Amino acid sequence: MQPAVYILSNENNKVLYIGVTSNLVQRVYQHRNHLVDGFTKQYNVTKLVYFEVHEDMSEAIKREKALKNWHRDWKNRLVSEMNPDWNDLWDSIV
């Protein structure tokens, strides 16, 4: 298991969700299939647009908290640097 921070978006990239997990494939699968009640299910946020892997969970949690405090413009820029077309990265992790 590899700790990771991830950003999900909805189909038109208007909504962002930032999360942290020790199993990126499993967690994104849960979001994609609406197995997780809450924000991502309510707003249909299922598209993986960004992720970064970390050495340990405490580092990943620290990064997640920092990203959640960023302005939307900064988050958009971060995603665009890794994924300029905001494609769904699901196929790259399975």
Protein backbone atom coordinates (compact mmCIF):
# COMPACT_ATOMS: atom_id res chain seq x y z
CA MET A 1 0.00 0.00 0.00
CA GLN A 2 1.32 3.38 -1.00
CA PRO A 3 -0.02 6.59 0.60
CA ALA A 4 -1.33 9.05 -1.98
CA VAL A 5 -3.06 12.39 -2.24
CA TYR A 6 -5.56 12.66 -5.05
CA ILE A 7 -7.87 15.17 -6.69
CA LEU A 8 -11.16 14.16 -8.24
CA SER A 9 -13.38 16.32 -10.40
CA ASN A 10 -16.78 16.10 -12.01
CA GLU A 11 -17.29 15.74 -15.75
CA ASN A 12 -17.11 19.49 -16.51
CA ASN A 13 -14.25 20.15 -14.04
CA LYS A 14 -16.26 22.62 -11.97
CA VAL A 15 -16.06 20.70 -8.70
CA LEU A 16 -12.87 19.47 -6.99
CA TYR A 17 -12.42 16.98 -4.18
CA ILE A 18 -9.08 16.39 -2.45
CA GLY A 19 -8.49 13.18 -0.54
CA VAL A 20 -5.80 10.97 0.95
CA THR A 21 -5.61 7.19 0.95
CA SER A 22 -3.29 4.25 1.43
CA ASN A 23 -4.82 2.44 -1.57
CA LEU A 24 -5.45 4.78 -4.50
CA VAL A 25 -7.02 2.21 -6.85
CA GLN A 26 -9.49 0.98 -4.25
CA ARG A 27 -10.44 4.47 -3.08
CA VAL A 28 -10.97 5.90 -6.57
CA TYR A 29 -12.99 2.79 -7.47
CA GLN A 30 -15.24 3.51 -4.48
CA HIS A 31 -15.78 7.10 -5.61
CA ARG A 32 -16.37 6.12 -9.26
CA ASN A 33 -19.02 3.60 -8.29
CA HIS A 34 -20.71 5.84 -5.71
CA LEU A 35 -19.89 3.46 -2.87
CA VAL A 36 -18.91 6.41 -0.65
CA ASP A 37 -21.75 8.52 0.71
CA GLY A 38 -21.13 12.23 0.93
CA PHE A 39 -19.74 15.01 -1.21
CA THR A 40 -18.38 13.00 -4.14
CA LYS A 41 -21.57 10.98 -4.51
CA GLN A 42 -23.81 14.03 -4.18
CA TYR A 43 -21.92 16.04 -6.82
CA ASN A 44 -20.93 13.09 -9.07
CA VAL A 45 -17.21 13.71 -8.54
CA THR A 46 -15.68 10.58 -10.06
CA LYS A 47 -12.89 11.66 -12.43
CA LEU A 48 -9.32 11.26 -11.16
CA VAL A 49 -7.46 14.30 -12.46
CA TYR A 50 -4.38 14.40 -10.19
CA PHE A 51 -2.50 12.24 -7.74
CA GLU A 52 0.85 12.14 -6.00
CA VAL A 53 2.42 9.27 -4.12
CA HIS A 54 4.14 9.75 -0.75
CA GLU A 55 6.59 7.75 1.32
CA ASP A 56 4.43 7.65 4.45
CA MET A 57 0.88 8.46 5.48
CA SER A 58 1.79 11.36 7.77
CA GLU A 59 3.49 13.10 4.84
CA ALA A 60 0.45 12.46 2.63
CA ILE A 61 -1.97 13.80 5.25
CA LYS A 62 0.15 16.93 5.70
CA ARG A 63 0.09 17.51 1.94
CA GLU A 64 -3.68 16.91 1.72
CA LYS A 65 -4.33 19.49 4.43
CA ALA A 66 -2.09 22.01 2.69
CA LEU A 67 -3.80 21.50 -0.67
CA LYS A 68 -7.24 21.91 0.88
CA ASN A 69 -6.17 25.38 2.04
CA TRP A 70 -5.01 26.45 -1.41
CA HIS A 71 -6.93 28.89 -3.58
CA ARG A 72 -8.87 27.32 -6.44
CA ASP A 73 -6.52 28.93 -9.01
CA TRP A 74 -3.54 27.20 -7.42
CA LYS A 75 -5.31 23.83 -7.43
CA ASN A 76 -6.26 24.28 -11.09
CA ARG A 77 -2.65 25.10 -11.96
CA LEU A 78 -1.39 22.04 -10.08
CA VAL A 79 -3.74 19.75 -11.99
CA SER A 80 -2.96 21.42 -15.33
CA GLU A 81 0.81 20.97 -14.84
CA MET A 82 0.40 17.18 -14.48
CA ASN A 83 -2.68 16.72 -16.62
CA PRO A 84 -3.10 19.65 -19.08
CA ASP A 85 -6.31 18.30 -20.63
CA TRP A 86 -7.81 17.25 -17.30
CA ASN A 87 -8.22 13.69 -18.58
CA ASP A 88 -9.46 10.93 -16.32
CA LEU A 89 -6.30 9.21 -15.03
CA TRP A 90 -8.10 6.05 -13.89
CA ASP A 91 -6.59 3.92 -16.64
CA SER A 92 -3.09 4.99 -15.61
CA ILE A 93 -3.47 3.57 -12.09
CA VAL A 94 -5.25 0.25 -12.75
